[in-house]
Amino acid sequence: MTSSTYNFKDYIRVISDFPQPGIRFKDITTLLKDGDVYRAAIEQMRAAVEHLRIDVVAGPEARGFVVGAPLALALGVGFAPIRKSGKLPGATITASYDLEYGKDQLAMHTDSISPGQRVLIADDLLATGGTIATSINLIKQLGGEVAGAAFLIELAYLTGRSKLDGVDIFSLMTYE
């Protein structure tokens, strides 16, 4: 089956009241466990962003790793992990942000992106945009240029896109 024949939403499990009442969590593990569908999703994302002239893909912990690393491989570029503060062993920069359910800090190695590199941010989900806005902040602190952002899922009703003005955004699936 080719990527154009998959309805990727059929492979997303929706779990009610997780992690708190009223949330309808979009679980990507049901897509990830099917190698053909996972590969097709990454391939479709690659095709959508390859025109952006990307030098490196950056992905926030942890699900950004399972989207960003294979996407970087498909694009033939490197991958830069964005981790929670205190998880990287080398010299880092950090930035604080608000989560949907609290506050946190993200970090990147100071040598993970070179000045002038074009960076694609890849993650499983665009929700309120806080994590991605913080990722953009880190990339810019390192002198990188944000070429775009790619997501398996966008929750359009949370308007996260509005926090990412000027960023070329691609979402494989959108929930209105």
Protein backbone atom coordinates (compact mmCIF):
# COMPACT_ATOMS: atom_id res chain seq x y z
CA MET A 1 0.00 0.00 0.00
CA THR A 2 1.33 3.46 -0.82
CA SER A 3 1.33 6.37 1.61
CA SER A 4 -1.48 8.07 -0.30
CA THR A 5 -3.83 5.17 0.45
CA TYR A 6 -3.52 5.35 4.26
CA ASN A 7 -5.96 7.32 6.37
CA PHE A 8 -3.46 7.97 9.15
CA LYS A 9 -6.20 8.94 11.61
CA ASP A 10 -7.34 5.31 11.48
CA TYR A 11 -4.04 4.45 13.20
CA ILE A 12 -4.36 6.96 16.05
CA ARG A 13 -5.96 5.73 19.27
CA VAL A 14 -7.92 8.40 21.15
CA ILE A 15 -7.93 7.91 24.93
CA SER A 16 -10.50 9.88 26.89
CA ASP A 17 -9.64 11.60 30.18
CA PHE A 18 -5.87 11.13 29.87
CA PRO A 19 -3.74 12.56 31.46
CA GLN A 20 -6.60 14.41 33.16
CA PRO A 21 -10.40 14.59 32.87
CA GLY A 22 -11.66 16.28 29.72
CA ILE A 23 -8.54 15.58 27.63
CA ARG A 24 -8.88 13.33 24.56
CA PHE A 25 -5.27 12.13 24.22
CA LYS A 26 -4.08 11.26 20.69
CA ASP A 27 -1.94 8.14 21.12
CA ILE A 28 0.55 7.65 18.26
CA THR A 29 1.86 4.29 19.51
CA THR A 30 -0.81 2.52 17.45
CA LEU A 31 0.62 4.14 14.30
CA LEU A 32 4.23 3.49 15.34
CA LYS A 33 3.68 -0.24 15.85
CA ASP A 34 2.75 -0.75 12.18
CA GLY A 35 6.02 -0.51 10.26
CA ASP A 36 4.39 0.10 6.87
CA VAL A 37 2.17 2.90 8.19
CA TYR A 38 4.99 4.47 10.24
CA ARG A 39 7.27 4.42 7.18
CA ALA A 40 4.50 5.89 4.99
CA ALA A 41 3.88 8.69 7.50
CA ILE A 42 7.57 9.62 7.63
CA GLU A 43 7.82 9.43 3.84
CA GLN A 44 4.81 11.72 3.41
CA MET A 45 6.32 14.18 5.89
CA ARG A 46 9.67 14.03 4.05
CA ALA A 47 7.98 14.78 0.74
CA ALA A 48 6.15 17.76 2.27
CA VAL A 49 9.27 19.43 3.70
CA GLU A 50 12.15 18.48 1.42
CA HIS A 51 11.81 21.75 -0.53
CA LEU A 52 12.81 23.71 2.62
CA ARG A 53 16.57 23.03 2.15
CA ILE A 54 16.99 21.60 5.65
CA ASP A 55 20.45 21.14 7.20
CA VAL A 56 19.34 19.48 10.45
CA VAL A 57 16.15 18.23 12.11
CA ALA A 58 15.54 19.04 15.79
CA GLY A 59 12.99 17.15 17.86
CA PRO A 60 11.79 17.74 21.42
CA GLU A 61 11.84 14.89 23.92
CA ALA A 62 10.47 12.29 23.75
CA ARG A 63 8.02 11.75 20.92
CA GLY A 64 9.84 14.31 18.80
CA PHE A 65 12.65 11.76 18.72
CA VAL A 66 10.47 9.05 17.13
CA VAL A 67 9.31 11.50 14.47
CA GLY A 68 12.39 13.67 14.04
CA ALA A 69 15.14 11.05 13.90
CA PRO A 70 13.59 8.93 11.12
CA LEU A 71 12.60 12.10 9.27
CA ALA A 72 16.21 13.34 9.46
CA LEU A 73 17.38 9.98 8.15
CA ALA A 74 14.87 10.15 5.27
CA LEU A 75 16.08 13.68 4.44
CA GLY A 76 19.75 12.68 4.68
CA VAL A 77 20.54 15.22 7.42
CA GLY A 78 21.54 15.09 11.08
CA PHE A 79 19.29 15.11 14.14
CA ALA A 80 19.57 17.44 17.15
CA PRO A 81 17.71 16.32 20.30
CA ILE A 82 15.92 18.90 22.42
CA ARG A 83 15.81 17.48 25.94
CA LYS A 84 14.42 18.33 29.31
CA SER A 85 16.91 20.36 31.33
CA GLY A 86 19.58 18.29 33.10
CA LYS A 87 19.48 15.35 30.64
CA LEU A 88 22.29 16.35 28.26
CA PRO A 89 25.90 15.69 29.33
CA GLY A 90 27.69 18.52 27.49
CA ALA A 91 27.50 22.32 27.55
CA THR A 92 23.88 23.38 27.06
CA ILE A 93 21.53 26.32 26.72
CA THR A 94 18.09 26.20 28.34
CA ALA A 95 14.72 27.95 28.04
CA SER A 96 11.62 27.73 30.24
CA TYR A 97 8.08 27.29 28.93
CA ASP A 98 4.50 26.57 29.96
CA LEU A 99 3.05 23.14 29.22
CA GLU A 100 -0.60 22.33 28.71
CA TYR A 101 -0.44 20.89 32.26
CA GLY A 102 2.33 22.87 34.03
CA LYS A 103 5.85 24.33 33.49
CA ASP A 104 9.13 22.86 32.29
CA GLN A 105 12.55 23.65 30.79
CA LEU A 106 14.14 22.47 27.55
CA ALA A 107 17.82 22.29 26.68
CA MET A 108 20.09 21.77 23.69
CA HIS A 109 23.81 21.14 23.41
CA THR A 110 25.55 24.37 22.44
CA ASP A 111 27.19 22.58 19.49
CA SER A 112 24.07 20.82 18.18
CA ILE A 113 23.33 23.53 15.62
CA SER A 114 25.83 25.76 13.84
CA PRO A 115 25.07 29.41 13.09
CA GLY A 116 23.21 29.75 9.80
CA GLN A 117 22.00 26.15 9.63
CA ARG A 118 18.42 25.68 8.43
CA VAL A 119 16.56 23.65 11.04
CA LEU A 120 13.30 21.74 10.75
CA ILE A 121 11.54 21.10 14.06
CA ALA A 122 9.70 17.76 14.08
CA ASP A 123 7.34 16.46 16.74
CA ASP A 124 4.37 14.18 17.13
CA LEU A 125 1.90 16.90 18.09
CA LEU A 126 1.24 20.63 17.77
CA ALA A 127 -1.14 21.54 20.59
CA THR A 128 -0.84 24.92 22.33
CA GLY A 129 2.54 25.65 20.72
CA GLY A 130 4.53 26.20 23.94
CA THR A 131 7.05 23.41 23.39
CA ILE A 132 7.64 24.38 19.78
CA ALA A 133 7.92 28.11 20.54
CA THR A 134 10.55 27.24 23.15
CA SER A 135 12.34 25.00 20.65
CA ILE A 136 12.40 27.91 18.19
CA ASN A 137 13.87 30.11 20.92
CA LEU A 138 16.68 27.60 21.56
CA ILE A 139 17.47 27.19 17.85
CA LYS A 140 17.66 30.96 17.38
CA GLN A 141 19.90 31.30 20.46
CA LEU A 142 22.32 28.94 18.72
CA GLY A 143 22.21 31.01 15.52
CA GLY A 144 20.07 28.53 13.58
CA GLU A 145 17.35 29.52 11.15
CA VAL A 146 14.00 27.77 11.64
CA ALA A 147 13.12 26.49 8.16
CA GLY A 148 9.81 24.98 9.26
CA ALA A 149 8.00 22.61 11.58
CA ALA A 150 6.47 19.21 10.85
CA PHE A 151 4.00 17.28 12.98
CA LEU A 152 2.18 13.98 12.79
CA ILE A 153 -0.85 15.64 14.41
CA GLU A 154 -2.11 19.19 14.85
CA LEU A 155 -4.87 19.98 17.33
CA ALA A 156 -6.16 23.04 15.47
CA TYR A 157 -8.72 23.86 18.18
CA LEU A 158 -5.86 24.67 20.60
CA THR A 159 -4.49 27.32 18.16
CA GLY A 160 -0.81 26.47 18.73
CA ARG A 161 -0.09 27.58 15.18
CA SER A 162 -0.73 31.18 16.28
CA LYS A 163 2.39 31.08 18.51
CA LEU A 164 4.57 30.12 15.54
CA ASP A 165 4.16 33.20 13.31
CA GLY A 166 6.32 33.11 10.23
CA VAL A 167 7.12 29.38 10.52
CA ASP A 168 6.21 27.11 7.61
CA ILE A 169 4.09 24.39 9.25
CA PHE A 170 3.20 20.96 7.92
CA SER A 171 0.78 18.64 9.76
CA LEU A 172 0.11 15.12 8.52
CA MET A 173 -3.25 15.01 10.39
CA THR A 174 -5.40 17.81 11.78
CA TYR A 175 -8.10 17.53 14.42
CA GLU A 176 -10.49 20.50 14.30
